[in-house]
Amino acid sequence: SADVLLKVAELARRCDGEVVVLHVIQCEEGENIEQLRQQTKQLLADIRYRFVTVTGVVSEEIVSVAQEYGVAEIIMGKRGHRLWENVLVGSVSQTVLEKSSIPVVVVEKM
């Protein structure tokens, strides 16, 4: 989401960091991927970044790609589709927090 991209852009600018934007495909999402690529290009125009797409179980792929690229932090959005998820961390976020040895930052919608 744009909220997450804005947050990673802010953090990357502070330390001249590179951003790895990951999109995990669960089904046919060609149109959504292109929209995300354009949004990424616009919001991270002044930052080094890589756009990575993989297919698989979202939480597992997030941890795997983060380890593969040697990232310093995993920054992810919280969807909160259900009422109780507005109070608790989402199930994907929770799984990543439990499985990752890399620090995880969960960004709420602004």
N, C-alpha and C. Protein backbone atom coordinates (compact mmCIF):
# COMPACT_ATOMS: atom_id res chain seq x y z
N SER A 1 0.83 -1.19 0.00
CA SER A 1 0.00 0.00 0.00
C SER A 1 0.87 1.25 0.00
N ALA A 2 0.29 2.35 -0.34
CA ALA A 2 1.02 3.62 -0.38
C ALA A 2 1.56 3.98 1.00
N ASP A 3 0.82 3.65 2.06
CA ASP A 3 1.27 3.96 3.42
C ASP A 3 2.60 3.29 3.73
N VAL A 4 2.72 2.03 3.34
CA VAL A 4 3.96 1.28 3.60
C VAL A 4 5.09 1.85 2.76
N LEU A 5 4.82 2.14 1.48
CA LEU A 5 5.85 2.70 0.61
C LEU A 5 6.34 4.05 1.12
N LEU A 6 5.44 4.87 1.61
CA LEU A 6 5.84 6.17 2.16
C LEU A 6 6.72 5.99 3.40
N LYS A 7 6.39 5.01 4.24
CA LYS A 7 7.17 4.76 5.45
C LYS A 7 8.56 4.24 5.10
N VAL A 8 8.65 3.28 4.16
CA VAL A 8 9.98 2.76 3.80
C VAL A 8 10.80 3.82 3.09
N ALA A 9 10.15 4.68 2.32
CA ALA A 9 10.88 5.77 1.66
C ALA A 9 11.50 6.70 2.70
N GLU A 10 10.72 7.03 3.72
CA GLU A 10 11.22 7.89 4.80
C GLU A 10 12.43 7.25 5.49
N LEU A 11 12.32 5.97 5.82
CA LEU A 11 13.41 5.27 6.50
C LEU A 11 14.63 5.13 5.60
N ALA A 12 14.42 4.82 4.33
CA ALA A 12 15.55 4.64 3.40
C ALA A 12 16.29 5.95 3.18
N ARG A 13 15.57 7.05 3.13
CA ARG A 13 16.22 8.36 2.94
C ARG A 13 17.12 8.70 4.13
N ARG A 14 16.70 8.33 5.32
CA ARG A 14 17.48 8.62 6.53
C ARG A 14 18.85 7.95 6.52
N CYS A 15 18.92 6.75 5.95
CA CYS A 15 20.18 6.00 6.02
C CYS A 15 20.72 5.64 4.64
N ASP A 16 20.23 6.32 3.60
CA ASP A 16 20.65 6.05 2.23
C ASP A 16 20.55 4.56 1.94
N GLY A 17 19.44 3.96 2.34
CA GLY A 17 19.24 2.52 2.18
C GLY A 17 18.61 2.15 0.87
N GLU A 18 18.64 0.85 0.59
CA GLU A 18 17.98 0.29 -0.58
C GLU A 18 16.74 -0.44 -0.10
N VAL A 19 15.67 -0.39 -0.89
CA VAL A 19 14.40 -1.00 -0.53
C VAL A 19 14.15 -2.20 -1.43
N VAL A 20 13.70 -3.30 -0.85
CA VAL A 20 13.24 -4.45 -1.63
C VAL A 20 11.72 -4.49 -1.47
N VAL A 21 11.00 -4.23 -2.56
CA VAL A 21 9.54 -4.25 -2.54
C VAL A 21 9.12 -5.65 -2.98
N LEU A 22 8.44 -6.38 -2.12
CA LEU A 22 8.05 -7.76 -2.39
C LEU A 22 6.55 -7.85 -2.55
N HIS A 23 6.12 -8.54 -3.60
CA HIS A 23 4.71 -8.84 -3.79
C HIS A 23 4.59 -10.34 -3.95
N VAL A 24 3.85 -10.99 -3.05
CA VAL A 24 3.66 -12.43 -3.12
C VAL A 24 2.34 -12.70 -3.83
N ILE A 25 2.41 -13.46 -4.92
CA ILE A 25 1.23 -13.75 -5.73
C ILE A 25 0.55 -15.01 -5.21
N GLN A 26 -0.74 -14.89 -4.95
CA GLN A 26 -1.53 -16.05 -4.54
C GLN A 26 -2.42 -16.54 -5.67
N CYS A 27 -2.74 -15.67 -6.62
CA CYS A 27 -3.57 -16.03 -7.76
C CYS A 27 -3.24 -15.06 -8.89
N GLU A 28 -4.05 -15.06 -9.93
CA GLU A 28 -3.81 -14.15 -11.06
C GLU A 28 -4.03 -12.71 -10.61
N GLU A 29 -2.95 -11.95 -10.55
CA GLU A 29 -3.03 -10.56 -10.09
C GLU A 29 -2.27 -9.63 -11.01
N GLY A 30 -2.17 -9.95 -12.29
CA GLY A 30 -1.35 -9.18 -13.21
C GLY A 30 -1.62 -7.69 -13.17
N GLU A 31 -2.88 -7.30 -13.14
CA GLU A 31 -3.24 -5.88 -13.12
C GLU A 31 -2.79 -5.22 -11.82
N ASN A 32 -2.99 -5.90 -10.69
CA ASN A 32 -2.57 -5.36 -9.40
C ASN A 32 -1.06 -5.17 -9.33
N ILE A 33 -0.32 -6.11 -9.90
CA ILE A 33 1.14 -6.02 -9.88
C ILE A 33 1.60 -4.79 -10.65
N GLU A 34 1.03 -4.57 -11.82
CA GLU A 34 1.42 -3.41 -12.63
C GLU A 34 1.09 -2.11 -11.90
N GLN A 35 -0.04 -2.07 -11.25
CA GLN A 35 -0.42 -0.88 -10.47
C GLN A 35 0.57 -0.65 -9.33
N LEU A 36 0.97 -1.73 -8.65
CA LEU A 36 1.94 -1.62 -7.56
C LEU A 36 3.30 -1.19 -8.09
N ARG A 37 3.71 -1.70 -9.25
CA ARG A 37 4.98 -1.29 -9.86
C ARG A 37 4.99 0.22 -10.13
N GLN A 38 3.90 0.72 -10.69
CA GLN A 38 3.80 2.15 -11.00
C GLN A 38 3.82 2.99 -9.72
N GLN A 39 3.09 2.55 -8.71
CA GLN A 39 3.05 3.27 -7.43
C GLN A 39 4.44 3.27 -6.79
N THR A 40 5.12 2.13 -6.86
CA THR A 40 6.48 2.02 -6.31
C THR A 40 7.42 2.97 -7.03
N LYS A 41 7.35 2.97 -8.35
CA LYS A 41 8.21 3.84 -9.17
C LYS A 41 8.01 5.30 -8.79
N GLN A 42 6.77 5.68 -8.57
CA GLN A 42 6.44 7.07 -8.23
C GLN A 42 6.90 7.43 -6.81
N LEU A 43 6.57 6.59 -5.83
CA LEU A 43 6.85 6.93 -4.43
C LEU A 43 8.30 6.71 -4.02
N LEU A 44 9.02 5.86 -4.75
CA LEU A 44 10.42 5.59 -4.41
C LEU A 44 11.36 6.09 -5.50
N ALA A 45 10.95 7.11 -6.22
CA ALA A 45 11.72 7.61 -7.37
C ALA A 45 13.16 7.99 -7.02
N ASP A 46 13.39 8.50 -5.83
CA ASP A 46 14.73 8.97 -5.45
C ASP A 46 15.49 7.96 -4.58
N ILE A 47 15.01 6.71 -4.55
CA ILE A 47 15.60 5.69 -3.68
C ILE A 47 15.96 4.46 -4.51
N ARG A 48 17.10 3.82 -4.17
CA ARG A 48 17.43 2.55 -4.81
C ARG A 48 16.43 1.50 -4.32
N TYR A 49 15.85 0.76 -5.26
CA TYR A 49 14.92 -0.29 -4.85
C TYR A 49 14.92 -1.42 -5.86
N ARG A 50 14.46 -2.57 -5.41
CA ARG A 50 14.23 -3.74 -6.26
C ARG A 50 12.78 -4.13 -6.10
N PHE A 51 12.16 -4.54 -7.19
CA PHE A 51 10.78 -5.00 -7.14
C PHE A 51 10.81 -6.51 -7.37
N VAL A 52 10.40 -7.26 -6.38
CA VAL A 52 10.47 -8.73 -6.44
C VAL A 52 9.06 -9.30 -6.38
N THR A 53 8.76 -10.25 -7.28
CA THR A 53 7.47 -10.95 -7.23
C THR A 53 7.74 -12.44 -7.12
N VAL A 54 7.05 -13.08 -6.20
CA VAL A 54 7.17 -14.52 -6.02
C VAL A 54 5.77 -15.10 -5.81
N THR A 55 5.66 -16.42 -5.98
CA THR A 55 4.40 -17.11 -5.75
C THR A 55 4.58 -18.02 -4.55
N GLY A 56 3.60 -18.03 -3.65
CA GLY A 56 3.69 -18.93 -2.51
C GLY A 56 2.86 -18.46 -1.33
N VAL A 57 3.15 -19.05 -0.19
CA VAL A 57 2.48 -18.68 1.06
C VAL A 57 3.08 -17.35 1.52
N VAL A 58 2.24 -16.35 1.70
CA VAL A 58 2.69 -14.98 1.93
C VAL A 58 3.71 -14.87 3.07
N SER A 59 3.36 -15.35 4.25
CA SER A 59 4.26 -15.18 5.40
C SER A 59 5.59 -15.89 5.18
N GLU A 60 5.56 -17.09 4.61
CA GLU A 60 6.79 -17.84 4.35
C GLU A 60 7.68 -17.13 3.34
N GLU A 61 7.07 -16.59 2.29
CA GLU A 61 7.84 -15.90 1.25
C GLU A 61 8.45 -14.60 1.77
N ILE A 62 7.72 -13.90 2.62
CA ILE A 62 8.26 -12.65 3.19
C ILE A 62 9.54 -12.95 3.96
N VAL A 63 9.49 -13.96 4.82
CA VAL A 63 10.66 -14.32 5.63
C VAL A 63 11.79 -14.83 4.74
N SER A 64 11.46 -15.67 3.77
CA SER A 64 12.46 -16.25 2.88
C SER A 64 13.18 -15.19 2.04
N VAL A 65 12.41 -14.30 1.43
CA VAL A 65 13.00 -13.25 0.58
C VAL A 65 13.81 -12.27 1.43
N ALA A 66 13.32 -11.95 2.61
CA ALA A 66 14.07 -11.05 3.51
C ALA A 66 15.43 -11.65 3.84
N GLN A 67 15.46 -12.94 4.13
CA GLN A 67 16.73 -13.61 4.43
C GLN A 67 17.62 -13.66 3.19
N GLU A 68 17.03 -13.98 2.04
CA GLU A 68 17.79 -14.08 0.79
C GLU A 68 18.47 -12.76 0.44
N TYR A 69 17.78 -11.65 0.64
CA TYR A 69 18.32 -10.33 0.30
C TYR A 69 19.09 -9.69 1.46
N GLY A 70 19.12 -10.32 2.61
CA GLY A 70 19.86 -9.80 3.75
C GLY A 70 19.36 -8.45 4.23
N VAL A 71 18.04 -8.29 4.28
CA VAL A 71 17.47 -7.00 4.68
C VAL A 71 17.68 -6.74 6.17
N ALA A 72 17.70 -5.46 6.54
CA ALA A 72 17.89 -5.07 7.94
C ALA A 72 16.57 -5.11 8.71
N GLU A 73 15.46 -4.81 8.03
CA GLU A 73 14.13 -4.80 8.64
C GLU A 73 13.10 -5.25 7.63
N ILE A 74 12.04 -5.87 8.12
CA ILE A 74 10.88 -6.18 7.30
C ILE A 74 9.82 -5.16 7.68
N ILE A 75 9.37 -4.38 6.70
CA ILE A 75 8.33 -3.38 6.96
C ILE A 75 7.12 -3.80 6.15
N MET A 76 6.01 -4.02 6.83
CA MET A 76 4.83 -4.52 6.14
C MET A 76 3.58 -3.81 6.62
N GLY A 77 2.57 -3.82 5.76
CA GLY A 77 1.30 -3.19 6.10
C GLY A 77 0.39 -4.14 6.85
N LYS A 78 -0.50 -3.56 7.62
CA LYS A 78 -1.52 -4.33 8.34
C LYS A 78 -2.84 -4.09 7.65
N ARG A 79 -3.48 -5.16 7.23
CA ARG A 79 -4.74 -5.03 6.50
C ARG A 79 -5.92 -4.81 7.42
N GLY A 80 -6.08 -5.67 8.43
CA GLY A 80 -7.18 -5.50 9.39
C GLY A 80 -8.56 -5.59 8.78
N HIS A 81 -8.82 -6.68 8.03
CA HIS A 81 -10.13 -6.85 7.40
C HIS A 81 -11.24 -7.13 8.41
N ARG A 82 -10.92 -7.80 9.48
CA ARG A 82 -11.93 -8.16 10.46
C ARG A 82 -11.82 -7.24 11.67
N LEU A 83 -12.91 -7.08 12.37
CA LEU A 83 -12.96 -6.18 13.52
C LEU A 83 -11.86 -6.50 14.53
N TRP A 84 -11.69 -7.77 14.88
CA TRP A 84 -10.68 -8.12 15.89
C TRP A 84 -9.28 -7.87 15.39
N GLU A 85 -9.07 -7.86 14.07
CA GLU A 85 -7.73 -7.58 13.54
C GLU A 85 -7.37 -6.10 13.68
N ASN A 86 -8.36 -5.26 13.92
CA ASN A 86 -8.06 -3.85 14.16
C ASN A 86 -7.38 -3.66 15.51
N VAL A 87 -7.59 -4.60 16.41
CA VAL A 87 -6.98 -4.55 17.73
C VAL A 87 -5.67 -5.32 17.74
N LEU A 88 -5.67 -6.50 17.15
CA LEU A 88 -4.51 -7.37 17.14
C LEU A 88 -3.73 -7.21 15.84
N VAL A 89 -2.52 -7.74 15.82
CA VAL A 89 -1.73 -7.77 14.60
C VAL A 89 -2.37 -8.81 13.69
N GLY A 90 -2.41 -8.57 12.37
CA GLY A 90 -3.00 -9.51 11.42
C GLY A 90 -2.30 -10.85 11.42
N SER A 91 -2.96 -11.87 10.87
CA SER A 91 -2.41 -13.22 10.91
C SER A 91 -1.11 -13.35 10.13
N VAL A 92 -0.99 -12.70 8.97
CA VAL A 92 0.26 -12.75 8.20
C VAL A 92 1.35 -12.03 8.98
N SER A 93 1.06 -10.85 9.48
CA SER A 93 2.03 -10.10 10.28
C SER A 93 2.47 -10.90 11.50
N GLN A 94 1.52 -11.51 12.17
CA GLN A 94 1.82 -12.30 13.37
C GLN A 94 2.75 -13.47 13.03
N THR A 95 2.47 -14.16 11.93
CA THR A 95 3.30 -15.29 11.52
C THR A 95 4.71 -14.83 11.18
N VAL A 96 4.83 -13.71 10.47
CA VAL A 96 6.15 -13.17 10.12
C VAL A 96 6.90 -12.79 11.40
N LEU A 97 6.22 -12.13 12.34
CA LEU A 97 6.84 -11.77 13.62
C LEU A 97 7.36 -13.00 14.35
N GLU A 98 6.61 -14.09 14.30
CA GLU A 98 7.00 -15.32 15.00
C GLU A 98 8.15 -16.05 14.31
N LYS A 99 8.17 -16.04 12.97
CA LYS A 99 9.14 -16.85 12.22
C LYS A 99 10.43 -16.12 11.86
N SER A 100 10.42 -14.80 11.88
CA SER A 100 11.56 -14.03 11.40
C SER A 100 12.54 -13.69 12.51
N SER A 101 13.82 -13.87 12.21
CA SER A 101 14.86 -13.40 13.13
C SER A 101 15.22 -11.95 12.83
N ILE A 102 14.66 -11.43 11.73
CA ILE A 102 14.88 -10.04 11.30
C ILE A 102 13.80 -9.17 11.96
N PRO A 103 14.14 -7.98 12.46
CA PRO A 103 13.13 -7.10 13.06
C PRO A 103 12.00 -6.79 12.07
N VAL A 104 10.77 -6.75 12.59
CA VAL A 104 9.57 -6.52 11.77
C VAL A 104 8.88 -5.25 12.25
N VAL A 105 8.54 -4.36 11.31
CA VAL A 105 7.78 -3.15 11.60
C VAL A 105 6.45 -3.27 10.86
N VAL A 106 5.33 -3.15 11.60
CA VAL A 106 4.01 -3.23 10.99
C VAL A 106 3.44 -1.82 10.91
N VAL A 107 3.09 -1.39 9.69
CA VAL A 107 2.59 -0.04 9.44
C VAL A 107 1.07 -0.08 9.32
N GLU A 108 0.40 0.72 10.13
CA GLU A 108 -1.06 0.86 10.06
C GLU A 108 -1.40 1.80 8.91
N LYS A 109 -2.60 1.68 8.37
CA LYS A 109 -3.05 2.64 7.37
C LYS A 109 -3.12 4.01 8.00
N MET A 110 -2.64 5.02 7.26
CA MET A 110 -2.66 6.39 7.79
C MET A 110 -3.93 7.10 7.39
